[in-house]
Protein backbone atom coordinates (compact mmCIF):
# COMPACT_ATOMS: atom_id res chain seq x y z
CA MET A 1 68.83 108.73 153.72
CA GLY A 2 71.80 107.84 151.41
CA PRO A 3 75.38 108.52 152.42
CA PHE A 4 75.75 111.45 150.17
CA LEU A 5 72.64 113.17 151.46
CA THR A 6 73.66 112.37 155.06
CA ILE A 7 77.17 113.82 154.64
CA CYS A 8 75.56 116.91 152.89
CA ALA A 9 73.15 117.34 155.78
CA TYR A 10 75.82 117.19 158.43
CA SER A 11 78.18 119.41 156.37
CA LEU A 12 75.46 122.04 155.99
CA ALA A 13 74.66 122.01 159.63
CA MET A 14 78.45 122.23 160.50
CA ALA A 15 78.98 125.21 158.01
CA ILE A 16 75.91 127.08 159.47
CA SER A 17 76.79 126.44 163.10
CA SER A 18 80.51 127.40 162.56
CA PHE A 19 79.40 130.68 160.89
CA VAL A 20 76.95 131.53 163.58
CA ALA A 21 79.42 130.82 166.33
CA GLY A 22 81.82 133.31 164.73
CA ILE A 23 79.28 136.13 164.62
CA PRO A 24 79.04 137.11 168.30
CA PRO A 25 82.52 138.66 168.41
CA LEU A 26 81.51 140.92 165.61
CA LEU A 27 78.50 142.07 167.63
CA PHE A 28 79.08 141.55 171.39
CA GLU A 29 81.89 141.28 173.83
CA LEU A 30 81.67 137.73 175.29
CA PRO A 31 83.86 136.21 178.09
CA PRO A 32 86.38 133.71 176.66
CA GLU A 33 86.27 131.48 179.73
CA LYS A 34 82.88 129.91 178.71
CA MET A 35 84.07 129.18 175.28
CA GLU A 36 87.37 127.71 176.56
CA HIS A 37 85.26 125.29 178.90
CA LEU A 38 83.30 124.19 175.81
CA SER A 39 86.51 123.46 173.91
CA THR A 40 87.95 121.56 176.90
CA LEU A 41 84.86 119.49 177.09
CA SER A 42 85.14 118.63 173.32
CA MET A 43 88.78 117.48 173.91
CA GLY A 44 87.66 114.89 176.42
CA ILE A 45 84.80 113.72 174.22
CA LEU A 46 87.07 113.29 171.17
CA VAL A 47 89.67 111.28 172.96
CA SER A 48 87.17 109.02 174.82
CA ALA A 49 84.79 108.50 171.99
CA ALA A 50 87.58 107.31 169.70
CA GLN A 51 88.78 104.67 172.30
CA VAL A 52 85.44 103.71 173.91
CA LEU A 53 82.97 103.88 171.05
CA ILE A 54 84.52 104.25 167.48
CA ILE A 55 87.52 101.76 167.62
CA PRO A 56 85.63 98.92 169.35
CA GLU A 57 82.76 99.33 166.99
CA GLY A 58 85.14 99.20 164.06
CA ILE A 59 86.85 95.97 165.46
CA LYS A 60 83.38 94.43 165.84
CA HIS A 61 82.39 94.99 162.29
CA SER A 62 85.83 94.19 160.64
CA PRO A 63 86.27 90.84 158.79
CA GLU A 64 88.20 88.34 160.81
CA GLY A 65 91.95 88.64 160.34
CA SER A 66 91.77 92.20 159.12
CA PRO A 67 94.83 94.54 159.79
CA ILE A 68 93.09 96.55 162.42
CA GLY A 69 96.27 98.18 163.61
CA LEU A 70 97.26 99.31 160.12
CA PHE A 71 93.98 101.13 159.54
CA LEU A 72 94.30 102.61 163.04
CA ILE A 73 97.66 104.07 162.55
CA ALA A 74 96.77 105.07 158.94
CA GLY A 75 94.03 107.37 160.24
CA PHE A 76 96.36 108.95 162.83
CA ILE A 77 99.24 109.27 160.32
CA THR A 78 96.99 110.80 157.68
CA LEU A 79 95.93 113.74 159.86
CA PHE A 80 99.39 114.04 161.35
CA THR A 81 101.03 114.33 158.00
CA ILE A 82 98.51 116.94 156.69
CA ASP A 83 98.99 118.99 159.83
CA ARG A 84 102.82 118.83 159.84
CA LEU A 85 103.30 119.43 156.16
CA SER A 86 101.15 122.44 156.40
CA ASP A 87 103.15 123.74 159.37
CA ILE A 88 106.36 123.22 157.57
CA ALA A 89 105.13 125.02 154.38
CA ARG A 90 103.94 127.98 156.45
CA SER A 91 107.22 127.99 158.52
CA SER A 92 109.19 128.31 155.37
CA LYS A 93 107.13 131.16 154.20
CA ARG A 94 107.58 132.94 157.48
CA ASN A 95 111.34 132.63 157.41
CA SER A 96 111.51 134.08 153.88
CA ASN A 97 108.94 136.80 154.16
CA GLY A 98 108.81 137.42 157.99
CA TYR A 99 105.63 137.39 160.04
CA SER A 100 102.41 138.91 158.58
CA LYS A 101 101.30 142.22 159.90
CA MET A 102 98.20 140.43 161.17
CA ASN A 103 100.21 138.04 163.29
CA TYR A 104 100.89 138.37 166.94
CA ASN A 105 103.77 140.72 167.53
CA ILE A 106 106.69 139.56 169.70
CA GLU A 107 108.56 142.92 169.59
CA GLU A 108 105.64 144.61 171.29
CA GLY A 109 106.05 142.36 174.25
CA GLN A 110 102.63 140.71 173.76
CA GLY A 111 103.81 137.11 173.84
CA SER A 112 104.72 134.43 171.46
CA PRO A 113 103.82 133.94 167.88
CA ILE A 114 100.59 132.41 167.12
CA ASP A 115 100.57 128.65 166.90
CA PRO A 116 99.81 127.63 163.23
CA ASN A 117 97.08 125.37 164.43
CA LEU A 118 95.34 128.12 166.28
CA GLU A 119 93.35 126.19 168.80
CA ILE A 120 90.94 127.86 171.23
CA ASP A 121 93.33 128.07 174.23
CA SER A 122 95.79 130.47 172.51
CA LEU A 123 93.19 132.24 170.38
CA SER A 124 90.63 133.01 172.95
CA GLU A 125 92.98 134.05 175.69
CA ARG A 126 95.14 136.29 173.41
CA GLY A 127 92.81 137.59 170.90
CA ILE A 128 89.70 138.14 172.97
CA SER A 129 91.46 139.47 176.06
CA ASP A 130 93.63 141.94 173.99
CA SER A 131 90.54 143.17 171.99
CA HIS A 132 88.58 143.79 175.08
CA GLY A 133 91.49 145.31 177.00
CA ALA A 134 92.39 147.80 174.21
CA SER A 135 90.17 150.38 175.74
CA SER A 136 91.65 150.28 179.23
CA ASP A 137 93.59 153.48 178.78
CA GLY A 138 90.34 155.42 178.40
CA ASN A 139 91.52 157.10 175.17
CA THR A 140 89.53 154.80 172.73
CA ASP A 141 86.09 153.74 172.18
CA ASP A 142 84.55 150.71 170.49
CA ASP A 143 84.57 152.20 166.91
CA SER A 144 88.10 153.50 167.03
CA ARG A 145 89.39 150.32 168.57
CA ILE A 146 88.29 148.21 165.64
CA THR A 147 88.96 150.74 162.84
CA THR A 148 92.07 149.99 160.71
CA SER A 149 94.76 152.64 160.49
CA ASP A 150 95.43 154.59 157.27
CA ALA A 151 98.74 152.61 156.93
CA ASP A 152 96.95 149.32 157.22
CA LEU A 153 94.34 150.51 154.77
CA ASP A 154 96.95 151.30 152.21
CA SER A 155 98.58 147.96 152.67
CA ILE A 156 95.27 146.08 152.25
CA MET A 157 94.40 148.13 149.15
CA ASN A 158 97.75 147.61 147.53
CA ASP A 159 98.59 144.10 148.63
CA GLY A 160 98.57 141.74 145.68
CA VAL A 161 96.86 144.27 143.27
CA GLN A 162 98.66 145.03 140.05
CA PRO A 163 98.65 148.73 139.05
CA SER A 164 96.02 149.42 136.45
CA THR A 165 95.82 152.34 134.15
CA THR A 166 92.00 152.22 134.27
CA ALA A 167 91.92 152.44 138.03
CA THR A 168 90.71 155.91 139.21
CA GLU A 169 91.21 157.80 142.33
CA GLU A 170 87.46 157.69 142.87
CA GLU A 171 87.52 153.94 142.97
CA ASP A 172 90.38 153.82 145.42
CA TYR A 173 88.68 156.30 147.59
CA SER A 174 85.47 154.15 147.35
CA ILE A 175 87.37 151.14 148.56
CA ARG A 176 88.91 153.13 151.47
CA GLN A 177 85.35 154.28 152.43
CA ILE A 178 84.16 150.64 152.49
CA LEU A 179 87.14 149.58 154.59
CA GLU A 180 86.71 152.30 157.15
CA SER A 181 82.90 151.98 157.35
CA SER A 182 83.24 148.08 157.79
CA GLY A 183 84.97 148.90 161.06
CA THR A 184 81.69 149.68 162.55
CA LEU A 185 78.69 147.48 162.77
CA LYS A 186 76.43 150.00 161.14
CA GLY A 187 78.75 150.42 158.17
CA MET A 188 79.35 146.75 157.84
CA TRP A 189 75.73 145.71 157.47
CA ASN A 190 74.93 148.71 155.14
CA LEU A 191 77.54 148.15 152.40
CA LYS A 192 76.10 148.65 148.98
CA GLY A 193 76.91 146.63 145.91
CA SER A 194 79.53 148.14 143.68
CA THR A 195 82.50 147.23 141.51
CA SER A 196 84.79 148.41 144.38
CA LEU A 197 82.86 146.22 146.94
CA ARG A 198 83.26 143.13 144.60
CA LYS A 199 86.93 143.80 144.27
CA LEU A 200 87.15 144.22 148.12
CA LEU A 201 85.32 140.92 148.80
CA PHE A 202 87.60 139.20 146.34
CA LYS A 203 90.66 140.67 148.23
CA GLY A 204 89.02 139.54 151.50
CA PHE A 205 88.76 135.96 150.44
CA VAL A 206 92.29 135.88 148.97
CA SER A 207 93.63 137.26 152.34
CA ALA A 208 92.22 134.26 154.13
CA PHE A 209 94.75 132.14 152.34
CA GLN A 210 97.56 134.57 152.89
CA ASN A 211 97.13 134.97 156.57
CA THR A 212 98.97 132.07 158.27
CA ASP A 213 96.65 131.92 161.16
CA THR A 214 93.44 131.44 159.10
CA LEU A 215 95.33 129.16 156.65
CA GLY A 216 96.32 126.87 159.50
CA LEU A 217 92.68 126.63 160.68
CA LEU A 218 91.48 125.87 157.07
CA ILE A 219 93.92 122.91 156.90
CA HIS A 220 92.81 121.67 160.29
CA CYS A 221 89.15 122.03 159.40
CA ILE A 222 89.67 119.95 156.22
CA THR A 223 91.08 117.14 158.40
CA ASP A 224 87.97 117.38 160.60
CA GLY A 225 85.81 116.79 157.53
CA ILE A 226 87.92 113.86 156.48
CA ALA A 227 87.28 112.24 159.89
CA LEU A 228 83.65 113.18 159.77
CA ALA A 229 83.01 111.61 156.37
CA SER A 230 84.97 108.41 156.98
CA SER A 231 82.98 107.89 160.17
CA LEU A 232 79.58 108.56 158.50
CA MET A 233 80.35 106.42 155.57
CA ALA A 234 81.41 103.58 157.77
CA SER A 235 78.29 103.65 159.99
CA ASN A 236 75.90 104.13 156.97
CA GLU A 237 74.97 100.46 156.79
CA SER A 238 74.02 100.28 160.52
CA PRO A 239 74.03 103.71 162.09
CA THR A 240 75.07 103.59 165.80
CA VAL A 241 75.15 106.08 168.67
CA GLN A 242 78.84 106.67 168.26
CA SER A 243 78.22 108.52 164.98
CA ILE A 244 76.11 110.99 166.98
CA PHE A 245 79.02 111.45 169.29
CA VAL A 246 81.42 112.10 166.40
CA ILE A 247 79.24 114.89 165.10
CA VAL A 248 78.74 116.45 168.57
CA ALA A 249 82.48 116.25 169.28
CA ILE A 250 83.49 117.92 166.00
CA PHE A 251 80.81 120.68 166.52
CA LEU A 252 81.95 121.39 170.04
CA HIS A 253 85.56 121.43 168.80
CA LYS A 254 84.87 123.91 165.95
CA LEU A 255 82.37 126.40 167.47
CA PRO A 256 84.77 127.90 170.11
CA THR A 257 87.58 127.99 167.61
CA ALA A 258 85.42 130.01 165.08
CA PHE A 259 84.48 132.29 167.91
CA ALA A 260 88.22 132.88 168.84
CA LEU A 261 89.56 133.20 165.35
CA VAL A 262 87.13 136.14 164.62
CA ALA A 263 88.02 137.75 167.96
CA LEU A 264 91.75 137.56 167.18
CA LEU A 265 91.33 139.00 163.72
CA ILE A 266 89.33 141.88 165.09
CA ARG A 267 92.06 142.49 167.68
CA ASP A 268 94.64 142.53 164.96
CA GLY A 269 92.80 145.43 163.27
CA LEU A 270 91.53 143.55 160.26
CA PRO A 271 88.55 145.29 158.60
CA ARG A 272 85.26 143.53 159.64
CA ILE A 273 84.26 142.84 156.11
CA PHE A 274 87.65 140.94 155.67
CA VAL A 275 86.88 139.13 158.97
CA LEU A 276 83.59 137.98 157.58
CA CYS A 277 85.40 136.60 154.51
CA HIS A 278 87.80 134.62 156.69
CA LEU A 279 84.86 133.34 158.69
CA ILE A 280 83.07 132.13 155.56
CA CYS A 281 86.16 130.27 154.46
CA PHE A 282 86.61 128.69 157.83
CA SER A 283 82.99 127.56 157.84
CA LEU A 284 83.25 125.85 154.39
CA ALA A 285 86.58 124.17 154.97
CA ALA A 286 85.23 121.07 157.00
CA PRO A 287 82.28 120.42 154.68
CA LEU A 288 84.65 120.62 151.75
CA GLY A 289 87.00 118.08 153.35
CA ALA A 290 83.94 115.74 153.97
CA LEU A 291 82.65 115.93 150.46
CA ILE A 292 86.09 115.35 149.01
CA THR A 293 86.52 112.32 151.25
CA TYR A 294 83.15 111.01 150.03
CA MET A 295 84.09 111.34 146.43
CA VAL A 296 87.40 109.52 147.05
CA ILE A 297 85.67 106.65 148.75
CA VAL A 298 83.03 106.40 146.00
CA LEU A 299 85.68 106.44 143.24
CA PHE A 300 88.27 104.11 144.72
CA VAL A 301 86.21 101.88 147.08
CA ASP A 302 83.03 99.96 146.64
CA GLU A 303 80.25 102.41 147.24
CA SER A 304 78.36 99.92 149.39
CA LEU A 305 81.39 99.58 151.69
CA GLU A 306 80.43 96.06 152.28
CA GLY A 307 83.08 94.39 154.41
CA LEU A 308 85.01 97.60 154.80
CA SER A 309 82.65 99.60 157.16
CA GLY A 310 84.52 98.34 160.31
CA LEU A 311 87.95 99.15 158.86
CA LEU A 312 86.81 102.62 157.89
CA LEU A 313 85.53 103.05 161.42
CA THR A 314 88.92 101.90 162.67
CA PHE A 315 90.51 104.56 160.32
CA SER A 316 88.21 107.34 161.60
CA GLY A 317 88.99 106.22 165.13
CA GLY A 318 92.75 106.69 164.53
CA SER A 319 91.99 110.12 162.96
CA PHE A 320 89.97 111.25 166.04
CA LEU A 321 92.77 110.02 168.32
CA TYR A 322 95.15 112.46 166.66
CA VAL A 323 92.52 115.33 166.71
CA GLY A 324 91.82 114.62 170.40
CA PHE A 325 95.47 114.33 171.52
CA HIS A 326 96.43 117.30 169.41
CA ALA A 327 93.76 119.38 171.14
CA LEU A 328 94.83 118.10 174.62
CA GLN A 329 98.25 119.51 173.95
CA LYS A 330 96.71 122.92 173.76
CA MET A 331 95.41 122.63 177.39
CA THR A 332 98.00 125.09 178.87
CA TYR A 333 98.34 126.05 182.51
CA SER A 334 98.84 129.70 181.86
CA GLU A 335 96.70 132.60 180.77
CA PRO A 336 97.23 136.16 179.72
CA GLU A 337 97.14 138.86 182.51
CA ALA A 338 94.34 141.35 182.13
CA GLY A 339 95.65 144.55 180.44
CA THR A 340 99.21 143.41 179.82
CA GLY A 341 98.83 140.13 177.91
CA ILE A 342 101.72 138.67 179.68
CA MET A 343 101.31 134.93 180.31
CA VAL A 344 100.93 134.00 183.98
CA PRO A 345 100.21 130.76 185.68
CA LYS A 346 96.55 129.87 186.07
CA SER A 347 95.01 129.76 189.53
CA ARG A 348 94.55 126.24 191.11
CA LYS A 349 90.80 126.80 190.84
CA ARG A 350 91.01 127.40 187.06
CA MET A 351 93.36 124.40 186.66
CA PHE A 352 90.94 122.14 188.59
CA ILE A 353 87.96 123.34 186.59
CA ASP A 354 89.81 122.56 183.32
CA TYR A 355 90.64 119.12 184.58
CA PHE A 356 87.04 118.48 185.77
CA VAL A 357 85.46 119.66 182.55
CA CYS A 358 87.75 117.54 180.39
CA LEU A 359 87.19 114.49 182.63
CA CYS A 360 83.48 114.96 182.33
CA GLY A 361 83.89 114.90 178.53
CA MET A 362 85.86 111.68 178.69
CA LEU A 363 83.26 109.93 180.92
CA LEU A 364 80.29 110.90 178.73
CA PRO A 365 81.17 108.37 175.94
CA VAL A 366 81.80 105.73 178.59
CA PHE A 367 78.29 106.33 180.01
CA VAL A 368 76.78 105.92 176.47
CA ALA A 369 78.81 102.71 175.90
CA PHE A 370 77.23 101.22 178.96
CA LEU A 371 73.76 102.19 177.67
CA GLN A 372 74.44 100.54 174.34
CA GLU A 373 75.37 97.21 176.05
CA ASP A 374 72.18 97.33 178.03
């Protein structure tokens, strides 16, 4: 299979798996602990695979006297720069406009603002626990907990839409009905096609780029796609086991994040049809980054990658070092208290489990490296 078809196949699998991983919060209430363990395992795999499999393989296939260190740091700096610049841009927007209504609210005593990179630790603990704890007072049920208020509906309907003399009250009422019905599973899956629905879907996709939380994840997913494509292109001439670990690590890294993002958006009262639009954008971001990277390599580098496969592997190793270390920084030793959302220290048992799961992820590529030598 050619490199383009290989990248397309992996990109399609990544998009489908990410989308499927985000569906359960729309349908069921799942414990966040299991998804957090999956994310912790992926952290260990990412860091270890870069140092034990990808970088040594890159050095092995690089021409003698090649600037290995430059390609390694270039991969790290590329993803670091993309991440930091996107954070700076969003921070500037927050300072001028204030936090979005859909962001985490400090004034209500619910914790700190959502981190722009929105990893699984913060998302799953805050978003899922809050959404499941909303009914603890006994005055709400599942449907009322996820239905957007009238004020939020007005904001969603009017945000970014220019007044139109042709718009009718009937159309506005139709949009309101769709928003309200999308707060329930039955209404969400039985929406009928109409001009109002198309307009609403358009607004849903636009809102994915206006929400700082989702936007931060989109940027991060594109960097995942860059690392994926560079690794696949580098190993195209002689595929090795490390390419499989790259794919597995990215998939494990993305699936719990998709799950937690959807849970958080639901907790924030976003209509579920809008949440679905955000999930679609999230699922397509990494494949888009992979395809763009492939086109850049084909246009500016010899397509056969002869003599450069090892250097590209080293570049991807540096990029995965950043992704792994960045994810490790999100391993916190606190968790939200049930019902209140106040951050309290984790128990020693939970901390030991996190350490053990991450360590297992780090040792897995080491085990595979020994198998390769045999």
